[in-house]
Amino acid sequence: MNEITRWFESIGVPPLLGGMAIGAIIVFLVTRKSASTSNGFPNTERKIGNPIMAAGSTVQIRIENDGKSIELSREQSAEISEQLRNGNKIAAIKALRESTGLGLAEAKGIVDAIERSGTKN
């Protein structure tokens, strides 16, 4: 510890203040890392579950939302899929929000994932 104390004193910072600053930085970095997910938004991890093929080759959409499973009806899934097939991404997001009560960013992320997964057939 003497080396750290001497280093702080050599740059003109009281050792107690320097130690507090380094501790605050470490706490900030640790809490920042644990509060966010891979997309950078706190606690907003959303996953698309495996689509279920329903009768008539209609895809039924299931969403994992904060540990709860949201399963859309065939009609709701068909409406979202139809909007995506027609290139109406905004309408698909709106339909998903109305069906689930999700926020705009969450619904957009899910619609993007549906598009990427190719389940809009």
N, C-alpha and C. Protein backbone atom coordinates (compact mmCIF):
# COMPACT_ATOMS: atom_id res chain seq x y z
N MET A 1 0.81 -1.20 0.00
CA MET A 1 0.00 0.00 0.00
C MET A 1 0.86 1.27 0.00
N ASN A 2 2.07 1.16 0.51
CA ASN A 2 2.92 2.34 0.55
C ASN A 2 3.23 2.87 -0.85
N GLU A 3 3.35 1.97 -1.82
CA GLU A 3 3.64 2.41 -3.18
C GLU A 3 2.48 3.22 -3.75
N ILE A 4 1.25 2.77 -3.49
CA ILE A 4 0.08 3.50 -3.98
C ILE A 4 -0.01 4.86 -3.29
N THR A 5 0.23 4.87 -1.98
CA THR A 5 0.19 6.13 -1.24
C THR A 5 1.22 7.10 -1.79
N ARG A 6 2.44 6.61 -2.01
CA ARG A 6 3.49 7.48 -2.56
C ARG A 6 3.14 7.97 -3.97
N TRP A 7 2.51 7.10 -4.76
CA TRP A 7 2.14 7.52 -6.12
C TRP A 7 1.12 8.65 -6.07
N PHE A 8 0.09 8.52 -5.21
CA PHE A 8 -0.89 9.59 -5.08
C PHE A 8 -0.22 10.88 -4.63
N GLU A 9 0.66 10.79 -3.64
CA GLU A 9 1.35 11.98 -3.14
C GLU A 9 2.24 12.60 -4.22
N SER A 10 2.84 11.75 -5.07
CA SER A 10 3.71 12.27 -6.12
C SER A 10 2.95 13.05 -7.18
N ILE A 11 1.68 12.74 -7.36
CA ILE A 11 0.89 13.50 -8.34
C ILE A 11 0.05 14.59 -7.68
N GLY A 12 0.26 14.77 -6.36
CA GLY A 12 -0.39 15.87 -5.65
C GLY A 12 -1.81 15.59 -5.21
N VAL A 13 -2.18 14.32 -5.07
CA VAL A 13 -3.53 13.95 -4.63
C VAL A 13 -3.42 13.30 -3.27
N PRO A 14 -4.21 13.76 -2.28
CA PRO A 14 -4.19 13.09 -0.98
C PRO A 14 -4.58 11.62 -1.14
N PRO A 15 -3.88 10.69 -0.52
CA PRO A 15 -4.15 9.26 -0.69
C PRO A 15 -5.59 8.86 -0.37
N LEU A 16 -6.19 9.46 0.64
CA LEU A 16 -7.57 9.13 0.99
C LEU A 16 -8.52 9.52 -0.15
N LEU A 17 -8.34 10.70 -0.70
CA LEU A 17 -9.17 11.16 -1.80
C LEU A 17 -8.95 10.30 -3.06
N GLY A 18 -7.72 9.95 -3.35
CA GLY A 18 -7.42 9.09 -4.49
C GLY A 18 -8.04 7.72 -4.35
N GLY A 19 -7.97 7.16 -3.16
CA GLY A 19 -8.58 5.85 -2.91
C GLY A 19 -10.08 5.89 -3.07
N MET A 20 -10.69 6.97 -2.58
CA MET A 20 -12.15 7.11 -2.73
C MET A 20 -12.54 7.24 -4.20
N ALA A 21 -11.74 7.97 -4.97
CA ALA A 21 -12.04 8.14 -6.40
C ALA A 21 -11.94 6.81 -7.14
N ILE A 22 -10.90 6.05 -6.86
CA ILE A 22 -10.74 4.74 -7.52
C ILE A 22 -11.87 3.80 -7.10
N GLY A 23 -12.24 3.82 -5.82
CA GLY A 23 -13.35 2.98 -5.36
C GLY A 23 -14.66 3.34 -6.03
N ALA A 24 -14.90 4.65 -6.18
CA ALA A 24 -16.13 5.09 -6.84
C ALA A 24 -16.16 4.65 -8.30
N ILE A 25 -15.03 4.71 -8.96
CA ILE A 25 -14.96 4.27 -10.37
C ILE A 25 -15.24 2.78 -10.47
N ILE A 26 -14.68 2.00 -9.58
CA ILE A 26 -14.90 0.55 -9.60
C ILE A 26 -16.37 0.23 -9.35
N VAL A 27 -16.97 0.89 -8.36
CA VAL A 27 -18.39 0.67 -8.08
C VAL A 27 -19.24 1.05 -9.28
N PHE A 28 -18.95 2.17 -9.91
CA PHE A 28 -19.69 2.61 -11.09
C PHE A 28 -19.61 1.57 -12.21
N LEU A 29 -18.41 1.10 -12.49
CA LEU A 29 -18.23 0.14 -13.58
C LEU A 29 -18.93 -1.18 -13.29
N VAL A 30 -18.87 -1.65 -12.06
CA VAL A 30 -19.51 -2.91 -11.70
C VAL A 30 -21.02 -2.79 -11.79
N THR A 31 -21.60 -1.73 -11.26
CA THR A 31 -23.06 -1.58 -11.29
C THR A 31 -23.55 -1.29 -12.70
N ARG A 32 -22.77 -0.58 -13.48
CA ARG A 32 -23.17 -0.30 -14.86
C ARG A 32 -23.21 -1.58 -15.67
N LYS A 33 -22.24 -2.45 -15.50
CA LYS A 33 -22.17 -3.71 -16.24
C LYS A 33 -23.32 -4.63 -15.86
N SER A 34 -23.64 -4.72 -14.57
CA SER A 34 -24.68 -5.65 -14.15
C SER A 34 -26.08 -5.15 -14.43
N ALA A 35 -26.28 -3.84 -14.59
CA ALA A 35 -27.61 -3.29 -14.82
C ALA A 35 -28.02 -3.33 -16.28
N SER A 36 -27.10 -3.58 -17.18
CA SER A 36 -27.45 -3.56 -18.59
C SER A 36 -27.32 -4.94 -19.20
N THR A 37 -28.03 -5.11 -20.32
CA THR A 37 -27.93 -6.36 -21.05
C THR A 37 -27.10 -6.12 -22.28
N SER A 38 -27.05 -7.10 -23.15
CA SER A 38 -26.19 -7.00 -24.32
C SER A 38 -26.59 -5.87 -25.26
N ASN A 39 -27.88 -5.45 -25.22
CA ASN A 39 -28.28 -4.37 -26.11
C ASN A 39 -28.08 -3.00 -25.50
N GLY A 40 -27.58 -2.92 -24.26
CA GLY A 40 -27.25 -1.65 -23.66
C GLY A 40 -28.38 -1.00 -22.90
N PHE A 41 -29.59 -1.56 -22.96
CA PHE A 41 -30.72 -0.98 -22.24
C PHE A 41 -30.93 -1.75 -20.94
N PRO A 42 -31.13 -1.02 -19.83
CA PRO A 42 -31.31 -1.71 -18.55
C PRO A 42 -32.54 -2.61 -18.55
N ASN A 43 -32.36 -3.86 -18.17
CA ASN A 43 -33.44 -4.80 -17.94
C ASN A 43 -34.48 -4.85 -19.06
N THR A 44 -34.05 -4.81 -20.29
CA THR A 44 -35.01 -4.85 -21.40
C THR A 44 -34.76 -6.03 -22.32
N GLU A 45 -34.20 -7.08 -21.80
CA GLU A 45 -33.91 -8.21 -22.66
C GLU A 45 -35.21 -8.85 -23.10
N ARG A 46 -35.38 -8.97 -24.39
CA ARG A 46 -36.57 -9.57 -24.96
C ARG A 46 -36.13 -10.67 -25.91
N LYS A 47 -36.77 -11.79 -25.83
CA LYS A 47 -36.40 -12.90 -26.70
C LYS A 47 -37.63 -13.36 -27.45
N ILE A 48 -37.42 -13.74 -28.68
CA ILE A 48 -38.46 -14.37 -29.46
C ILE A 48 -38.38 -15.86 -29.20
N GLY A 49 -39.48 -16.44 -28.76
CA GLY A 49 -39.49 -17.87 -28.55
C GLY A 49 -39.55 -18.59 -29.89
N ASN A 50 -39.49 -19.88 -29.86
CA ASN A 50 -39.59 -20.64 -31.09
C ASN A 50 -41.00 -20.47 -31.66
N PRO A 51 -41.12 -20.06 -32.90
CA PRO A 51 -42.45 -19.94 -33.49
C PRO A 51 -43.11 -21.32 -33.58
N ILE A 52 -44.39 -21.33 -33.39
CA ILE A 52 -45.14 -22.57 -33.45
C ILE A 52 -45.90 -22.57 -34.77
N MET A 53 -45.75 -23.62 -35.55
CA MET A 53 -46.50 -23.73 -36.79
C MET A 53 -47.91 -24.20 -36.45
N ALA A 54 -48.88 -23.39 -36.80
CA ALA A 54 -50.27 -23.73 -36.53
C ALA A 54 -50.91 -24.26 -37.81
N ALA A 55 -52.14 -24.70 -37.70
CA ALA A 55 -52.85 -25.24 -38.87
C ALA A 55 -52.92 -24.19 -39.97
N GLY A 56 -52.83 -24.61 -41.19
CA GLY A 56 -52.90 -23.69 -42.32
C GLY A 56 -51.60 -22.95 -42.54
N SER A 57 -50.50 -23.48 -42.05
CA SER A 57 -49.16 -22.90 -42.17
C SER A 57 -49.08 -21.46 -41.70
N THR A 58 -49.89 -21.10 -40.72
CA THR A 58 -49.81 -19.78 -40.10
C THR A 58 -48.85 -19.88 -38.92
N VAL A 59 -47.94 -18.94 -38.81
CA VAL A 59 -46.98 -18.95 -37.72
C VAL A 59 -47.62 -18.30 -36.51
N GLN A 60 -47.51 -18.95 -35.37
CA GLN A 60 -48.00 -18.38 -34.13
C GLN A 60 -46.80 -17.86 -33.36
N ILE A 61 -46.85 -16.60 -32.94
CA ILE A 61 -45.71 -15.94 -32.32
C ILE A 61 -45.79 -16.07 -30.81
N ARG A 62 -44.66 -16.47 -30.19
CA ARG A 62 -44.54 -16.53 -28.74
C ARG A 62 -43.35 -15.67 -28.35
N ILE A 63 -43.51 -14.85 -27.31
CA ILE A 63 -42.48 -13.91 -26.89
C ILE A 63 -42.17 -14.16 -25.42
N GLU A 64 -40.88 -14.18 -25.09
CA GLU A 64 -40.46 -14.22 -23.69
C GLU A 64 -40.21 -12.78 -23.26
N ASN A 65 -40.95 -12.30 -22.26
CA ASN A 65 -40.88 -10.92 -21.82
C ASN A 65 -40.69 -10.89 -20.31
N ASP A 66 -39.48 -10.56 -19.85
CA ASP A 66 -39.15 -10.52 -18.42
C ASP A 66 -39.51 -11.82 -17.71
N GLY A 67 -39.21 -12.94 -18.34
CA GLY A 67 -39.47 -14.23 -17.74
C GLY A 67 -40.89 -14.73 -17.90
N LYS A 68 -41.78 -13.91 -18.47
CA LYS A 68 -43.15 -14.32 -18.71
C LYS A 68 -43.31 -14.60 -20.20
N SER A 69 -44.06 -15.63 -20.51
CA SER A 69 -44.29 -15.99 -21.89
C SER A 69 -45.58 -15.31 -22.37
N ILE A 70 -45.47 -14.62 -23.51
CA ILE A 70 -46.65 -14.00 -24.13
C ILE A 70 -46.87 -14.75 -25.44
N GLU A 71 -48.01 -15.39 -25.57
CA GLU A 71 -48.32 -16.12 -26.78
C GLU A 71 -49.47 -15.41 -27.49
N LEU A 72 -49.20 -14.96 -28.69
CA LEU A 72 -50.22 -14.27 -29.47
C LEU A 72 -51.17 -15.28 -30.08
N SER A 73 -52.41 -14.87 -30.26
CA SER A 73 -53.37 -15.75 -30.93
C SER A 73 -52.99 -15.91 -32.39
N ARG A 74 -53.58 -16.87 -33.05
CA ARG A 74 -53.30 -17.08 -34.47
C ARG A 74 -53.67 -15.84 -35.28
N GLU A 75 -54.78 -15.21 -34.90
CA GLU A 75 -55.22 -14.02 -35.63
C GLU A 75 -54.23 -12.87 -35.47
N GLN A 76 -53.78 -12.66 -34.22
CA GLN A 76 -52.81 -11.59 -33.97
C GLN A 76 -51.50 -11.86 -34.68
N SER A 77 -51.05 -13.11 -34.62
CA SER A 77 -49.81 -13.49 -35.30
C SER A 77 -49.94 -13.31 -36.80
N ALA A 78 -51.10 -13.71 -37.35
CA ALA A 78 -51.33 -13.58 -38.79
C ALA A 78 -51.34 -12.12 -39.21
N GLU A 79 -51.93 -11.25 -38.38
CA GLU A 79 -51.97 -9.82 -38.71
C GLU A 79 -50.55 -9.24 -38.76
N ILE A 80 -49.73 -9.56 -37.78
CA ILE A 80 -48.36 -9.05 -37.74
C ILE A 80 -47.57 -9.60 -38.93
N SER A 81 -47.72 -10.89 -39.20
CA SER A 81 -47.02 -11.51 -40.33
C SER A 81 -47.45 -10.88 -41.65
N GLU A 82 -48.74 -10.64 -41.80
CA GLU A 82 -49.27 -10.03 -43.03
C GLU A 82 -48.69 -8.62 -43.22
N GLN A 83 -48.64 -7.84 -42.15
CA GLN A 83 -48.10 -6.48 -42.23
C GLN A 83 -46.62 -6.53 -42.66
N LEU A 84 -45.87 -7.48 -42.11
CA LEU A 84 -44.45 -7.59 -42.48
C LEU A 84 -44.29 -8.04 -43.94
N ARG A 85 -45.11 -9.00 -44.37
CA ARG A 85 -45.05 -9.45 -45.77
C ARG A 85 -45.32 -8.30 -46.73
N ASN A 86 -46.22 -7.40 -46.34
CA ASN A 86 -46.58 -6.26 -47.18
C ASN A 86 -45.61 -5.09 -47.03
N GLY A 87 -44.58 -5.25 -46.19
CA GLY A 87 -43.60 -4.19 -46.00
C GLY A 87 -44.05 -3.08 -45.07
N ASN A 88 -45.10 -3.33 -44.29
CA ASN A 88 -45.64 -2.33 -43.36
C ASN A 88 -45.11 -2.59 -41.95
N LYS A 89 -43.83 -2.31 -41.75
CA LYS A 89 -43.20 -2.59 -40.46
C LYS A 89 -43.83 -1.77 -39.33
N ILE A 90 -44.16 -0.52 -39.60
CA ILE A 90 -44.77 0.32 -38.56
C ILE A 90 -46.12 -0.24 -38.14
N ALA A 91 -46.91 -0.70 -39.09
CA ALA A 91 -48.21 -1.29 -38.77
C ALA A 91 -48.03 -2.58 -37.97
N ALA A 92 -46.99 -3.35 -38.28
CA ALA A 92 -46.71 -4.58 -37.53
C ALA A 92 -46.34 -4.25 -36.08
N ILE A 93 -45.54 -3.21 -35.90
CA ILE A 93 -45.16 -2.79 -34.54
C ILE A 93 -46.40 -2.33 -33.78
N LYS A 94 -47.24 -1.57 -34.45
CA LYS A 94 -48.47 -1.07 -33.82
C LYS A 94 -49.38 -2.24 -33.42
N ALA A 95 -49.52 -3.22 -34.31
CA ALA A 95 -50.35 -4.38 -34.00
C ALA A 95 -49.79 -5.16 -32.82
N LEU A 96 -48.47 -5.32 -32.77
CA LEU A 96 -47.85 -6.03 -31.65
C LEU A 96 -48.06 -5.27 -30.34
N ARG A 97 -47.91 -3.96 -30.38
CA ARG A 97 -48.11 -3.16 -29.17
C ARG A 97 -49.53 -3.26 -28.67
N GLU A 98 -50.50 -3.22 -29.60
CA GLU A 98 -51.90 -3.33 -29.21
C GLU A 98 -52.22 -4.71 -28.64
N SER A 99 -51.58 -5.73 -29.17
CA SER A 99 -51.84 -7.11 -28.73
C SER A 99 -51.22 -7.42 -27.38
N THR A 100 -50.08 -6.79 -27.08
CA THR A 100 -49.31 -7.18 -25.89
C THR A 100 -49.18 -6.10 -24.83
N GLY A 101 -49.35 -4.84 -25.21
CA GLY A 101 -49.12 -3.75 -24.26
C GLY A 101 -47.65 -3.40 -24.09
N LEU A 102 -46.80 -3.93 -24.96
CA LEU A 102 -45.36 -3.62 -24.89
C LEU A 102 -45.10 -2.17 -25.28
N GLY A 103 -43.96 -1.65 -24.87
CA GLY A 103 -43.54 -0.32 -25.25
C GLY A 103 -43.05 -0.29 -26.69
N LEU A 104 -42.85 0.91 -27.21
CA LEU A 104 -42.44 1.08 -28.60
C LEU A 104 -41.10 0.42 -28.89
N ALA A 105 -40.10 0.68 -28.06
CA ALA A 105 -38.77 0.12 -28.30
C ALA A 105 -38.79 -1.40 -28.21
N GLU A 106 -39.54 -1.94 -27.24
CA GLU A 106 -39.63 -3.38 -27.09
C GLU A 106 -40.30 -4.02 -28.31
N ALA A 107 -41.42 -3.44 -28.72
CA ALA A 107 -42.15 -3.99 -29.86
C ALA A 107 -41.32 -3.90 -31.14
N LYS A 108 -40.60 -2.80 -31.32
CA LYS A 108 -39.76 -2.65 -32.52
C LYS A 108 -38.67 -3.72 -32.52
N GLY A 109 -38.04 -3.94 -31.37
CA GLY A 109 -37.01 -4.96 -31.28
C GLY A 109 -37.54 -6.35 -31.61
N ILE A 110 -38.73 -6.64 -31.17
CA ILE A 110 -39.33 -7.95 -31.44
C ILE A 110 -39.68 -8.09 -32.91
N VAL A 111 -40.27 -7.04 -33.50
CA VAL A 111 -40.60 -7.09 -34.93
C VAL A 111 -39.33 -7.23 -35.76
N ASP A 112 -38.28 -6.52 -35.36
CA ASP A 112 -36.98 -6.67 -36.06
C ASP A 112 -36.50 -8.13 -35.99
N ALA A 113 -36.63 -8.73 -34.81
CA ALA A 113 -36.20 -10.11 -34.64
C ALA A 113 -37.05 -11.07 -35.46
N ILE A 114 -38.34 -10.79 -35.55
CA ILE A 114 -39.23 -11.63 -36.38
C ILE A 114 -38.79 -11.53 -37.83
N GLU A 115 -38.50 -10.31 -38.27
CA GLU A 115 -38.03 -10.12 -39.65
C GLU A 115 -36.74 -10.90 -39.92
N ARG A 116 -35.80 -10.79 -38.98
CA ARG A 116 -34.50 -11.47 -39.15
C ARG A 116 -34.65 -12.98 -39.14
N SER A 117 -35.60 -13.48 -38.34
CA SER A 117 -35.75 -14.93 -38.21
C SER A 117 -36.46 -15.54 -39.41
N GLY A 118 -37.11 -14.71 -40.20
CA GLY A 118 -37.80 -15.22 -41.38
C GLY A 118 -39.11 -15.90 -41.07
N THR A 119 -39.72 -15.61 -39.89
CA THR A 119 -40.99 -16.23 -39.52
C THR A 119 -42.18 -15.41 -39.96
N LYS A 120 -42.00 -14.52 -40.92
CA LYS A 120 -43.11 -13.70 -41.38
C LYS A 120 -43.85 -14.33 -42.56
N ASN A 121 -43.52 -15.57 -42.87
CA ASN A 121 -44.13 -16.24 -44.03
C ASN A 121 -45.59 -16.51 -43.84
